[in-house]
Amino acid sequence: MGFEASFSGSYPNRCSGKWTLTYDGLPVVIPSDHVHCEKGTRGTYSSWHFEDWMEVFEDYEDGLTFDEWIAANKGWVDEMFSQHNIEISYKNYSDLYTAFQSDDWRHGSCGGCI
């Protein structure tokens, strides 16, 4: 089973959602300072904005690769793993990154703040 992550935000204010995370079907508590923010994983994201009174939709690459992401987030991830008796291992890091990556987002991607 492993990790499953989802973000509850949606148009018109995707950024107001929160992450839920499970490991082998059991809930995992994400630290409060990480539960509402984008996760910064590498991916293709969308931007919606106006230029010269015209709507512009653009896709762009953004985020940290797996190795960069683990280096940047290891502290809170290890603490979360320890609190939930999840083994600190390469496989679990990889599975967590992939779970967050599947529903990651960026500010401005839904256009609700425009």
PDB file of N, CA and C in Angstrom:
ATOM      1  N   MET A   1       0.825  -1.197   0.000  1.00  0.00           N
ATOM      2  CA  MET A   1       0.000   0.000   0.000  1.00  0.00           C
ATOM      3  C   MET A   1       0.865   1.255   0.000  1.00  0.00           C
ATOM      4  N   GLY A   2       1.621   1.512   1.039  1.00  0.00           N
ATOM      5  CA  GLY A   2       2.488   2.676   1.079  1.00  0.00           C
ATOM      6  C   GLY A   2       1.740   3.957   1.366  1.00  0.00           C
ATOM      7  N   PHE A   3       2.267   5.044   0.827  1.00  0.00           N
ATOM      8  CA  PHE A   3       1.712   6.377   1.074  1.00  0.00           C
ATOM      9  C   PHE A   3       0.670   6.754   0.024  1.00  0.00           C
ATOM     10  N   GLU A   4      -0.355   7.465   0.482  1.00  0.00           N
ATOM     11  CA  GLU A   4      -1.328   8.110  -0.399  1.00  0.00           C
ATOM     12  C   GLU A   4      -1.530   9.516   0.136  1.00  0.00           C
ATOM     13  N   ALA A   5      -1.421  10.496  -0.753  1.00  0.00           N
ATOM     14  CA  ALA A   5      -1.583  11.896  -0.373  1.00  0.00           C
ATOM     15  C   ALA A   5      -2.600  12.554  -1.281  1.00  0.00           C
ATOM     16  N   SER A   6      -3.343  13.497  -0.724  1.00  0.00           N
ATOM     17  CA  SER A   6      -4.263  14.291  -1.538  1.00  0.00           C
ATOM     18  C   SER A   6      -4.372  15.679  -0.945  1.00  0.00           C
ATOM     19  N   PHE A   7      -4.649  16.636  -1.829  1.00  0.00           N
ATOM     20  CA  PHE A   7      -4.813  18.025  -1.421  1.00  0.00           C
ATOM     21  C   PHE A   7      -6.255  18.421  -1.674  1.00  0.00           C
ATOM     22  N   SER A   8      -6.902  18.996  -0.679  1.00  0.00           N
ATOM     23  CA  SER A   8      -8.348  19.240  -0.760  1.00  0.00           C
ATOM     24  C   SER A   8      -8.731  20.526  -1.490  1.00  0.00           C
ATOM     25  N   GLY A   9      -7.805  21.415  -1.750  1.00  0.00           N
ATOM     26  CA  GLY A   9      -8.140  22.680  -2.405  1.00  0.00           C
ATOM     27  C   GLY A   9      -8.584  22.486  -3.841  1.00  0.00           C
ATOM     28  N   SER A  10      -9.458  23.382  -4.300  1.00  0.00           N
ATOM     29  CA  SER A  10      -9.925  23.329  -5.682  1.00  0.00           C
ATOM     30  C   SER A  10     -10.294  24.743  -6.125  1.00  0.00           C
ATOM     31  N   TYR A  11     -10.548  24.897  -7.425  1.00  0.00           N
ATOM     32  CA  TYR A  11     -10.942  26.190  -7.962  1.00  0.00           C
ATOM     33  C   TYR A  11     -12.149  26.709  -7.198  1.00  0.00           C
ATOM     34  N   PRO A  12     -12.226  27.949  -6.861  1.00  0.00           N
ATOM     35  CA  PRO A  12     -11.376  29.052  -7.271  1.00  0.00           C
ATOM     36  C   PRO A  12     -10.284  29.407  -6.261  1.00  0.00           C
ATOM     37  N   ASN A  13     -10.052  28.574  -5.258  1.00  0.00           N
ATOM     38  CA  ASN A  13      -8.980  28.896  -4.312  1.00  0.00           C
ATOM     39  C   ASN A  13      -8.271  27.615  -3.855  1.00  0.00           C
ATOM     40  N   ARG A  14      -7.607  27.000  -4.810  1.00  0.00           N
ATOM     41  CA  ARG A  14      -6.883  25.752  -4.540  1.00  0.00           C
ATOM     42  C   ARG A  14      -5.941  25.884  -3.348  1.00  0.00           C
ATOM     43  N   CYS A  15      -5.350  27.050  -3.188  1.00  0.00           N
ATOM     44  CA  CYS A  15      -4.369  27.253  -2.126  1.00  0.00           C
ATOM     45  C   CYS A  15      -4.983  27.204  -0.722  1.00  0.00           C
ATOM     46  N   SER A  16      -6.289  27.191  -0.596  1.00  0.00           N
ATOM     47  CA  SER A  16      -6.915  27.172   0.730  1.00  0.00           C
ATOM     48  C   SER A  16      -7.156  25.748   1.241  1.00  0.00           C
ATOM     49  N   GLY A  17      -6.751  24.749   0.490  1.00  0.00           N
ATOM     50  CA  GLY A  17      -6.955  23.372   0.915  1.00  0.00           C
ATOM     51  C   GLY A  17      -5.928  22.901   1.915  1.00  0.00           C
ATOM     52  N   LYS A  18      -5.988  21.604   2.221  1.00  0.00           N
ATOM     53  CA  LYS A  18      -4.987  21.015   3.105  1.00  0.00           C
ATOM     54  C   LYS A  18      -4.676  19.598   2.648  1.00  0.00           C
ATOM     55  N   TRP A  19      -3.481  19.162   2.989  1.00  0.00           N
ATOM     56  CA  TRP A  19      -3.026  17.825   2.640  1.00  0.00           C
ATOM     57  C   TRP A  19      -3.562  16.800   3.626  1.00  0.00           C
ATOM     58  N   THR A  20      -3.931  15.639   3.101  1.00  0.00           N
ATOM     59  CA  THR A  20      -4.167  14.468   3.935  1.00  0.00           C
ATOM     60  C   THR A  20      -3.203  13.398   3.450  1.00  0.00           C
ATOM     61  N   LEU A  21      -2.732  12.605   4.394  1.00  0.00           N
ATOM     62  CA  LEU A  21      -1.725  11.603   4.100  1.00  0.00           C
ATOM     63  C   LEU A  21      -2.048  10.328   4.863  1.00  0.00           C
ATOM     64  N   THR A  22      -1.922   9.201   4.182  1.00  0.00           N
ATOM     65  CA  THR A  22      -2.052   7.914   4.852  1.00  0.00           C
ATOM     66  C   THR A  22      -0.839   7.053   4.512  1.00  0.00           C
ATOM     67  N   TYR A  23      -0.556   6.119   5.410  1.00  0.00           N
ATOM     68  CA  TYR A  23       0.498   5.138   5.187  1.00  0.00           C
ATOM     69  C   TYR A  23      -0.094   3.775   5.508  1.00  0.00           C
ATOM     70  N   ASP A  24      -0.111   2.905   4.540  1.00  0.00           N
ATOM     71  CA  ASP A  24      -0.746   1.583   4.667  1.00  0.00           C
ATOM     72  C   ASP A  24      -2.169   1.711   5.199  1.00  0.00           C
ATOM     73  N   GLY A  25      -2.884   2.740   4.717  1.00  0.00           N
ATOM     74  CA  GLY A  25      -4.282   2.936   5.062  1.00  0.00           C
ATOM     75  C   GLY A  25      -4.525   3.662   6.372  1.00  0.00           C
ATOM     76  N   LEU A  26      -3.475   3.946   7.150  1.00  0.00           N
ATOM     77  CA  LEU A  26      -3.635   4.635   8.428  1.00  0.00           C
ATOM     78  C   LEU A  26      -3.275   6.113   8.276  1.00  0.00           C
ATOM     79  N   PRO A  27      -4.026   7.000   8.943  1.00  0.00           N
ATOM     80  CA  PRO A  27      -3.751   8.429   8.810  1.00  0.00           C
ATOM     81  C   PRO A  27      -2.386   8.803   9.389  1.00  0.00           C
ATOM     82  N   VAL A  28      -1.721   9.710   8.705  1.00  0.00           N
ATOM     83  CA  VAL A  28      -0.449  10.261   9.152  1.00  0.00           C
ATOM     84  C   VAL A  28      -0.658  11.759   9.348  1.00  0.00           C
ATOM     85  N   VAL A  29      -0.269  12.263  10.514  1.00  0.00           N
ATOM     86  CA  VAL A  29      -0.427  13.685  10.809  1.00  0.00           C
ATOM     87  C   VAL A  29       0.767  14.437  10.223  1.00  0.00           C
ATOM     88  N   ILE A  30       0.466  15.334   9.294  1.00  0.00           N
ATOM     89  CA  ILE A  30       1.475  16.195   8.691  1.00  0.00           C
ATOM     90  C   ILE A  30       1.662  17.392   9.622  1.00  0.00           C
ATOM     91  N   PRO A  31       2.904  17.799   9.897  1.00  0.00           N
ATOM     92  CA  PRO A  31       3.106  18.967  10.764  1.00  0.00           C
ATOM     93  C   PRO A  31       2.309  20.175  10.268  1.00  0.00           C
ATOM     94  N   SER A  32       1.770  20.939  11.207  1.00  0.00           N
ATOM     95  CA  SER A  32       0.858  22.030  10.861  1.00  0.00           C
ATOM     96  C   SER A  32       1.464  23.048   9.904  1.00  0.00           C
ATOM     97  N   ASP A  33       2.768  23.266   9.959  1.00  0.00           N
ATOM     98  CA  ASP A  33       3.369  24.244   9.052  1.00  0.00           C
ATOM     99  C   ASP A  33       3.626  23.676   7.659  1.00  0.00           C
ATOM    100  N   HIS A  34       3.222  22.423   7.424  1.00  0.00           N
ATOM    101  CA  HIS A  34       3.380  21.802   6.099  1.00  0.00           C
ATOM    102  C   HIS A  34       2.057  21.291   5.526  1.00  0.00           C
ATOM    103  N   VAL A  35       0.969  21.464   6.246  1.00  0.00           N
ATOM    104  CA  VAL A  35      -0.302  20.861   5.834  1.00  0.00           C
ATOM    105  C   VAL A  35      -1.056  21.683   4.772  1.00  0.00           C
ATOM    106  N   HIS A  36      -0.773  22.976   4.659  1.00  0.00           N
ATOM    107  CA  HIS A  36      -1.515  23.823   3.727  1.00  0.00           C
ATOM    108  C   HIS A  36      -0.704  24.278   2.518  1.00  0.00           C
ATOM    109  N   CYS A  37       0.575  23.992   2.478  1.00  0.00           N
ATOM    110  CA  CYS A  37       1.420  24.565   1.426  1.00  0.00           C
ATOM    111  C   CYS A  37       1.722  23.566   0.312  1.00  0.00           C
ATOM    112  N   GLU A  38       2.059  24.126  -0.839  1.00  0.00           N
ATOM    113  CA  GLU A  38       2.518  23.280  -1.944  1.00  0.00           C
ATOM    114  C   GLU A  38       3.756  22.521  -1.470  1.00  0.00           C
ATOM    115  N   LYS A  39       4.015  21.387  -2.067  1.00  0.00           N
ATOM    116  CA  LYS A  39       5.104  20.541  -1.590  1.00  0.00           C
ATOM    117  C   LYS A  39       6.410  20.722  -2.340  1.00  0.00           C
ATOM    118  N   GLY A  40       6.416  21.413  -3.442  1.00  0.00           N
ATOM    119  CA  GLY A  40       7.660  21.726  -4.132  1.00  0.00           C
ATOM    120  C   GLY A  40       8.280  20.579  -4.905  1.00  0.00           C
ATOM    121  N   THR A  41       7.479  19.565  -5.247  1.00  0.00           N
ATOM    122  CA  THR A  41       7.998  18.433  -6.025  1.00  0.00           C
ATOM    123  C   THR A  41       8.124  18.832  -7.494  1.00  0.00           C
ATOM    124  N   ARG A  42       8.993  18.164  -8.208  1.00  0.00           N
ATOM    125  CA  ARG A  42       9.236  18.445  -9.628  1.00  0.00           C
ATOM    126  C   ARG A  42       8.044  18.004 -10.460  1.00  0.00           C
ATOM    127  N   GLY A  43       7.608  18.868 -11.358  1.00  0.00           N
ATOM    128  CA  GLY A  43       6.504  18.509 -12.228  1.00  0.00           C
ATOM    129  C   GLY A  43       6.183  19.608 -13.210  1.00  0.00           C
ATOM    130  N   THR A  44       5.173  19.371 -14.028  1.00  0.00           N
ATOM    131  CA  THR A  44       4.666  20.366 -14.959  1.00  0.00           C
ATOM    132  C   THR A  44       3.418  20.974 -14.342  1.00  0.00           C
ATOM    133  N   TYR A  45       3.417  22.283 -14.232  1.00  0.00           N
ATOM    134  CA  TYR A  45       2.314  22.991 -13.601  1.00  0.00           C
ATOM    135  C   TYR A  45       1.752  24.011 -14.576  1.00  0.00           C
ATOM    136  N   SER A  46       0.568  24.501 -14.281  1.00  0.00           N
ATOM    137  CA  SER A  46      -0.104  25.459 -15.159  1.00  0.00           C
ATOM    138  C   SER A  46      -0.146  26.819 -14.497  1.00  0.00           C
ATOM    139  N   SER A  47      -0.110  27.835 -15.323  1.00  0.00           N
ATOM    140  CA  SER A  47      -0.245  29.213 -14.875  1.00  0.00           C
ATOM    141  C   SER A  47      -1.369  29.843 -15.669  1.00  0.00           C
ATOM    142  N   TRP A  48      -2.213  30.572 -14.989  1.00  0.00           N
ATOM    143  CA  TRP A  48      -3.307  31.274 -15.642  1.00  0.00           C
ATOM    144  C   TRP A  48      -3.223  32.725 -15.206  1.00  0.00           C
ATOM    145  N   HIS A  49      -3.071  33.629 -16.159  1.00  0.00           N
ATOM    146  CA  HIS A  49      -2.955  35.043 -15.848  1.00  0.00           C
ATOM    147  C   HIS A  49      -3.379  35.872 -17.057  1.00  0.00           C
ATOM    148  N   PHE A  50      -3.360  37.186 -16.876  1.00  0.00           N
ATOM    149  CA  PHE A  50      -3.733  38.094 -17.958  1.00  0.00           C
ATOM    150  C   PHE A  50      -2.514  38.865 -18.437  1.00  0.00           C
ATOM    151  N   GLU A  51      -2.413  39.041 -19.744  1.00  0.00           N
ATOM    152  CA  GLU A  51      -1.424  39.919 -20.360  1.00  0.00           C
ATOM    153  C   GLU A  51      -2.151  40.738 -21.417  1.00  0.00           C
ATOM    154  N   ASP A  52      -2.013  42.052 -21.342  1.00  0.00           N
ATOM    155  CA  ASP A  52      -2.674  42.945 -22.301  1.00  0.00           C
ATOM    156  C   ASP A  52      -4.156  42.623 -22.445  1.00  0.00           C
ATOM    157  N   TRP A  53      -4.831  42.394 -21.328  1.00  0.00           N
ATOM    158  CA  TRP A  53      -6.260  42.130 -21.267  1.00  0.00           C
ATOM    159  C   TRP A  53      -6.672  40.810 -21.908  1.00  0.00           C
ATOM    160  N   MET A  54      -5.710  39.930 -22.134  1.00  0.00           N
ATOM    161  CA  MET A  54      -6.001  38.608 -22.716  1.00  0.00           C
ATOM    162  C   MET A  54      -5.649  37.525 -21.687  1.00  0.00           C
ATOM    163  N   GLU A  55      -6.472  36.486 -21.649  1.00  0.00           N
ATOM    164  CA  GLU A  55      -6.162  35.348 -20.793  1.00  0.00           C
ATOM    165  C   GLU A  55      -4.969  34.585 -21.378  1.00  0.00           C
ATOM    166  N   VAL A  56      -4.052  34.190 -20.510  1.00  0.00           N
ATOM    167  CA  VAL A  56      -2.887  33.429 -20.937  1.00  0.00           C
ATOM    168  C   VAL A  56      -2.797  32.176 -20.076  1.00  0.00           C
ATOM    169  N   PHE A  57      -2.740  31.029 -20.740  1.00  0.00           N
ATOM    170  CA  PHE A  57      -2.554  29.747 -20.070  1.00  0.00           C
ATOM    171  C   PHE A  57      -1.181  29.221 -20.470  1.00  0.00           C
ATOM    172  N   GLU A  58      -0.353  28.912 -19.485  1.00  0.00           N
ATOM    173  CA  GLU A  58       0.986  28.421 -19.775  1.00  0.00           C
ATOM    174  C   GLU A  58       1.316  27.240 -18.873  1.00  0.00           C
ATOM    175  N   ASP A  59       2.035  26.280 -19.418  1.00  0.00           N
ATOM    176  CA  ASP A  59       2.581  25.185 -18.628  1.00  0.00           C
ATOM    177  C   ASP A  59       4.053  25.455 -18.412  1.00  0.00           C
ATOM    178  N   TYR A  60       4.560  25.076 -17.252  1.00  0.00           N
ATOM    179  CA  TYR A  60       5.963  25.284 -16.942  1.00  0.00           C
ATOM    180  C   TYR A  60       6.455  24.181 -16.004  1.00  0.00           C
ATOM    181  N   GLU A  61       7.750  23.941 -16.036  1.00  0.00           N
ATOM    182  CA  GLU A  61       8.390  22.975 -15.159  1.00  0.00           C
ATOM    183  C   GLU A  61       8.834  23.695 -13.892  1.00  0.00           C
ATOM    184  N   ASP A  62       8.641  23.046 -12.745  1.00  0.00           N
ATOM    185  CA  ASP A  62       9.041  23.654 -11.484  1.00  0.00           C
ATOM    186  C   ASP A  62       9.234  22.566 -10.442  1.00  0.00           C
ATOM    187  N   GLY A  63       9.979  22.886  -9.422  1.00  0.00           N
ATOM    188  CA  GLY A  63      10.092  22.012  -8.274  1.00  0.00           C
ATOM    189  C   GLY A  63      11.434  21.321  -8.153  1.00  0.00           C
ATOM    190  N   LEU A  64      11.569  20.652  -7.023  1.00  0.00           N
ATOM    191  CA  LEU A  64      12.797  19.946  -6.675  1.00  0.00           C
ATOM    192  C   LEU A  64      12.744  18.496  -7.129  1.00  0.00           C
ATOM    193  N   THR A  65      13.889  17.993  -7.579  1.00  0.00           N
ATOM    194  CA  THR A  65      13.992  16.566  -7.877  1.00  0.00           C
ATOM    195  C   THR A  65      13.899  15.807  -6.561  1.00  0.00           C
ATOM    196  N   PHE A  66      13.768  14.503  -6.644  1.00  0.00           N
ATOM    197  CA  PHE A  66      13.653  13.679  -5.444  1.00  0.00           C
ATOM    198  C   PHE A  66      14.808  13.930  -4.476  1.00  0.00           C
ATOM    199  N   ASP A  67      16.046  13.847  -4.948  1.00  0.00           N
ATOM    200  CA  ASP A  67      17.206  14.025  -4.061  1.00  0.00           C
ATOM    201  C   ASP A  67      17.230  15.420  -3.441  1.00  0.00           C
ATOM    202  N   GLU A  68      16.921  16.442  -4.232  1.00  0.00           N
ATOM    203  CA  GLU A  68      16.874  17.815  -3.713  1.00  0.00           C
ATOM    204  C   GLU A  68      15.757  17.963  -2.684  1.00  0.00           C
ATOM    205  N   TRP A  69      14.620  17.344  -2.955  1.00  0.00           N
ATOM    206  CA  TRP A  69      13.457  17.462  -2.071  1.00  0.00           C
ATOM    207  C   TRP A  69      13.738  16.809  -0.718  1.00  0.00           C
ATOM    208  N   ILE A  70      14.340  15.629  -0.742  1.00  0.00           N
ATOM    209  CA  ILE A  70      14.663  14.953   0.520  1.00  0.00           C
ATOM    210  C   ILE A  70      15.659  15.789   1.319  1.00  0.00           C
ATOM    211  N   ALA A  71      16.687  16.312   0.666  1.00  0.00           N
ATOM    212  CA  ALA A  71      17.672  17.137   1.368  1.00  0.00           C
ATOM    213  C   ALA A  71      17.005  18.353   2.024  1.00  0.00           C
ATOM    214  N   ALA A  72      16.053  18.963   1.337  1.00  0.00           N
ATOM    215  CA  ALA A  72      15.383  20.160   1.842  1.00  0.00           C
ATOM    216  C   ALA A  72      14.333  19.858   2.911  1.00  0.00           C
ATOM    217  N   ASN A  73      13.766  18.653   2.919  1.00  0.00           N
ATOM    218  CA  ASN A  73      12.635  18.340   3.798  1.00  0.00           C
ATOM    219  C   ASN A  73      12.916  17.230   4.808  1.00  0.00           C
ATOM    220  N   LYS A  74      14.114  16.720   4.850  1.00  0.00           N
ATOM    221  CA  LYS A  74      14.462  15.565   5.669  1.00  0.00           C
ATOM    222  C   LYS A  74      14.101  15.753   7.147  1.00  0.00           C
ATOM    223  N   GLY A  75      14.315  16.932   7.678  1.00  0.00           N
ATOM    224  CA  GLY A  75      14.047  17.170   9.100  1.00  0.00           C
ATOM    225  C   GLY A  75      12.610  16.883   9.501  1.00  0.00           C
ATOM    226  N   TRP A  76      11.661  17.531   8.853  1.00  0.00           N
ATOM    227  CA  TRP A  76      10.265  17.328   9.247  1.00  0.00           C
ATOM    228  C   TRP A  76       9.744  15.964   8.809  1.00  0.00           C
ATOM    229  N   VAL A  77      10.267  15.446   7.686  1.00  0.00           N
ATOM    230  CA  VAL A  77       9.836  14.119   7.219  1.00  0.00           C
ATOM    231  C   VAL A  77      10.295  13.041   8.203  1.00  0.00           C
ATOM    232  N   ASP A  78      11.554  13.098   8.633  1.00  0.00           N
ATOM    233  CA  ASP A  78      12.051  12.109   9.595  1.00  0.00           C
ATOM    234  C   ASP A  78      11.285  12.167  10.904  1.00  0.00           C
ATOM    235  N   GLU A  79      10.987  13.372  11.360  1.00  0.00           N
ATOM    236  CA  GLU A  79      10.209  13.528  12.593  1.00  0.00           C
ATOM    237  C   GLU A  79       8.811  12.930  12.436  1.00  0.00           C
ATOM    238  N   MET A  80       8.178  13.183  11.299  1.00  0.00           N
ATOM    239  CA  MET A  80       6.850  12.630  11.032  1.00  0.00           C
ATOM    240  C   MET A  80       6.909  11.101  10.963  1.00  0.00           C
ATOM    241  N   PHE A  81       7.914  10.576  10.279  1.00  0.00           N
ATOM    242  CA  PHE A  81       8.073   9.116  10.206  1.00  0.00           C
ATOM    243  C   PHE A  81       8.226   8.534  11.609  1.00  0.00           C
ATOM    244  N   SER A  82       9.072   9.144  12.427  1.00  0.00           N
ATOM    245  CA  SER A  82       9.316   8.631  13.780  1.00  0.00           C
ATOM    246  C   SER A  82       8.044   8.648  14.619  1.00  0.00           C
ATOM    247  N   GLN A  83       7.263   9.712  14.509  1.00  0.00           N
ATOM    248  CA  GLN A  83       6.028   9.819  15.290  1.00  0.00           C
ATOM    249  C   GLN A  83       5.006   8.753  14.915  1.00  0.00           C
ATOM    250  N   HIS A  84       5.116   8.222  13.701  1.00  0.00           N
ATOM    251  CA  HIS A  84       4.145   7.232  13.229  1.00  0.00           C
ATOM    252  C   HIS A  84       4.768   5.849  13.038  1.00  0.00           C
ATOM    253  N   ASN A  85       5.960   5.653  13.602  1.00  0.00           N
ATOM    254  CA  ASN A  85       6.668   4.364  13.512  1.00  0.00           C
ATOM    255  C   ASN A  85       6.824   3.887  12.073  1.00  0.00           C
ATOM    256  N   ILE A  86       7.139   4.826  11.187  1.00  0.00           N
ATOM    257  CA  ILE A  86       7.396   4.516   9.781  1.00  0.00           C
ATOM    258  C   ILE A  86       8.910   4.431   9.603  1.00  0.00           C
ATOM    259  N   GLU A  87       9.361   3.367   9.009  1.00  0.00           N
ATOM    260  CA  GLU A  87      10.796   3.173   8.817  1.00  0.00           C
ATOM    261  C   GLU A  87      11.389   4.300   7.972  1.00  0.00           C
ATOM    262  N   ILE A  88      12.496   4.846   8.438  1.00  0.00           N
ATOM    263  CA  ILE A  88      13.222   5.855   7.674  1.00  0.00           C
ATOM    264  C   ILE A  88      14.093   5.106   6.677  1.00  0.00           C
ATOM    265  N   SER A  89      13.656   5.119   5.416  1.00  0.00           N
ATOM    266  CA  SER A  89      14.352   4.363   4.373  1.00  0.00           C
ATOM    267  C   SER A  89      14.207   5.073   3.035  1.00  0.00           C
ATOM    268  N   TYR A  90      15.090   4.729   2.124  1.00  0.00           N
ATOM    269  CA  TYR A  90      15.048   5.290   0.770  1.00  0.00           C
ATOM    270  C   TYR A  90      13.694   5.025   0.121  1.00  0.00           C
ATOM    271  N   LYS A  91      13.184   3.799   0.274  1.00  0.00           N
ATOM    272  CA  LYS A  91      11.902   3.437  -0.336  1.00  0.00           C
ATOM    273  C   LYS A  91      10.765   4.304   0.206  1.00  0.00           C
ATOM    274  N   ASN A  92      10.724   4.501   1.511  1.00  0.00           N
ATOM    275  CA  ASN A  92       9.655   5.321   2.082  1.00  0.00           C
ATOM    276  C   ASN A  92       9.791   6.796   1.695  1.00  0.00           C
ATOM    277  N   TYR A  93      11.028   7.310   1.630  1.00  0.00           N
ATOM    278  CA  TYR A  93      11.222   8.666   1.130  1.00  0.00           C
ATOM    279  C   TYR A  93      10.684   8.782  -0.299  1.00  0.00           C
ATOM    280  N   SER A  94      11.057   7.818  -1.125  1.00  0.00           N
ATOM    281  CA  SER A  94      10.644   7.825  -2.527  1.00  0.00           C
ATOM    282  C   SER A  94       9.124   7.732  -2.658  1.00  0.00           C
ATOM    283  N   ASP A  95       8.521   6.841  -1.889  1.00  0.00           N
ATOM    284  CA  ASP A  95       7.067   6.675  -1.940  1.00  0.00           C
ATOM    285  C   ASP A  95       6.345   7.948  -1.474  1.00  0.00           C
ATOM    286  N   LEU A  96       6.879   8.600  -0.438  1.00  0.00           N
ATOM    287  CA  LEU A  96       6.266   9.837   0.050  1.00  0.00           C
ATOM    288  C   LEU A  96       6.365  10.937  -1.004  1.00  0.00           C
ATOM    289  N   TYR A  97       7.537  11.094  -1.602  1.00  0.00           N
ATOM    290  CA  TYR A  97       7.738  12.095  -2.649  1.00  0.00           C
ATOM    291  C   TYR A  97       6.753  11.867  -3.792  1.00  0.00           C
ATOM    292  N   THR A  98       6.636  10.635  -4.232  1.00  0.00           N
ATOM    293  CA  THR A  98       5.733  10.297  -5.339  1.00  0.00           C
ATOM    294  C   THR A  98       4.279  10.578  -4.965  1.00  0.00           C
ATOM    295  N   ALA A  99       3.905  10.276  -3.719  1.00  0.00           N
ATOM    296  CA  ALA A  99       2.534  10.529  -3.269  1.00  0.00           C
ATOM    297  C   ALA A  99       2.229  12.024  -3.292  1.00  0.00           C
ATOM    298  N   PHE A 100       3.128  12.846  -2.766  1.00  0.00           N
ATOM    299  CA  PHE A 100       2.914  14.297  -2.801  1.00  0.00           C
ATOM    300  C   PHE A 100       2.926  14.814  -4.236  1.00  0.00           C
ATOM    301  N   GLN A 101       3.824  14.294  -5.047  1.00  0.00           N
ATOM    302  CA  GLN A 101       3.964  14.749  -6.434  1.00  0.00           C
ATOM    303  C   GLN A 101       2.678  14.529  -7.228  1.00  0.00           C
ATOM    304  N   SER A 102       1.943  13.483  -6.903  1.00  0.00           N
ATOM    305  CA  SER A 102       0.743  13.147  -7.668  1.00  0.00           C
ATOM    306  C   SER A 102      -0.364  14.193  -7.553  1.00  0.00           C
ATOM    307  N   ASP A 103      -0.349  15.010  -6.477  1.00  0.00           N
ATOM    308  CA  ASP A 103      -1.399  16.024  -6.303  1.00  0.00           C
ATOM    309  C   ASP A 103      -0.814  17.390  -5.954  1.00  0.00           C
ATOM    310  N   ASP A 104       0.479  17.566  -6.215  1.00  0.00           N
ATOM    311  CA  ASP A 104       1.116  18.840  -5.898  1.00  0.00           C
ATOM    312  C   ASP A 104       0.546  19.948  -6.777  1.00  0.00           C
ATOM    313  N   TRP A 105       0.730  21.177  -6.386  1.00  0.00           N
ATOM    314  CA  TRP A 105       0.136  22.321  -7.059  1.00  0.00           C
ATOM    315  C   TRP A 105       1.057  23.521  -6.869  1.00  0.00           C
ATOM    316  N   ARG A 106       0.745  24.591  -7.546  1.00  0.00           N
ATOM    317  CA  ARG A 106       1.474  25.847  -7.400  1.00  0.00           C
ATOM    318  C   ARG A 106       0.480  26.991  -7.290  1.00  0.00           C
ATOM    319  N   HIS A 107       0.860  27.999  -6.510  1.00  0.00           N
ATOM    320  CA  HIS A 107       0.028  29.202  -6.433  1.00  0.00           C
ATOM    321  C   HIS A 107      -0.144  29.776  -7.832  1.00  0.00           C
ATOM    322  N   GLY A 108      -1.327  30.260  -8.137  1.00  0.00           N
ATOM    323  CA  GLY A 108      -1.616  30.824  -9.447  1.00  0.00           C
ATOM    324  C   GLY A 108      -2.044  29.800 -10.482  1.00  0.00           C
ATOM    325  N   SER A 109      -2.062  28.521 -10.124  1.00  0.00           N
ATOM    326  CA  SER A 109      -2.399  27.506 -11.119  1.00  0.00           C
ATOM    327  C   SER A 109      -3.896  27.425 -11.415  1.00  0.00           C
ATOM    328  N   CYS A 110      -4.724  27.852 -10.488  1.00  0.00           N
ATOM    329  CA  CYS A 110      -6.167  27.773 -10.764  1.00  0.00           C
ATOM    330  C   CYS A 110      -6.750  29.114 -11.183  1.00  0.00           C
ATOM    331  N   GLY A 111      -5.999  30.197 -10.979  1.00  0.00           N
ATOM    332  CA  GLY A 111      -6.460  31.511 -11.394  1.00  0.00           C
ATOM    333  C   GLY A 111      -7.478  32.161 -10.469  1.00  0.00           C
ATOM    334  N   GLY A 112      -7.819  31.514  -9.363  1.00  0.00           N
ATOM    335  CA  GLY A 112      -8.823  32.067  -8.469  1.00  0.00           C
ATOM    336  C   GLY A 112      -8.412  33.358  -7.789  1.00  0.00           C
ATOM    337  N   CYS A 113      -7.109  33.590  -7.667  1.00  0.00           N
ATOM    338  CA  CYS A 113      -6.636  34.796  -7.000  1.00  0.00           C
ATOM    339  C   CYS A 113      -6.564  35.996  -7.931  1.00  0.00           C
ATOM    340  N   ILE A 114      -6.877  35.786  -9.207  1.00  0.00           N
ATOM    341  CA  ILE A 114      -6.779  36.890 -10.174  1.00  0.00           C
ATOM    342  C   ILE A 114      -8.006  37.774 -10.089  1.00  0.00           C
TER     343      ILE A 114
END
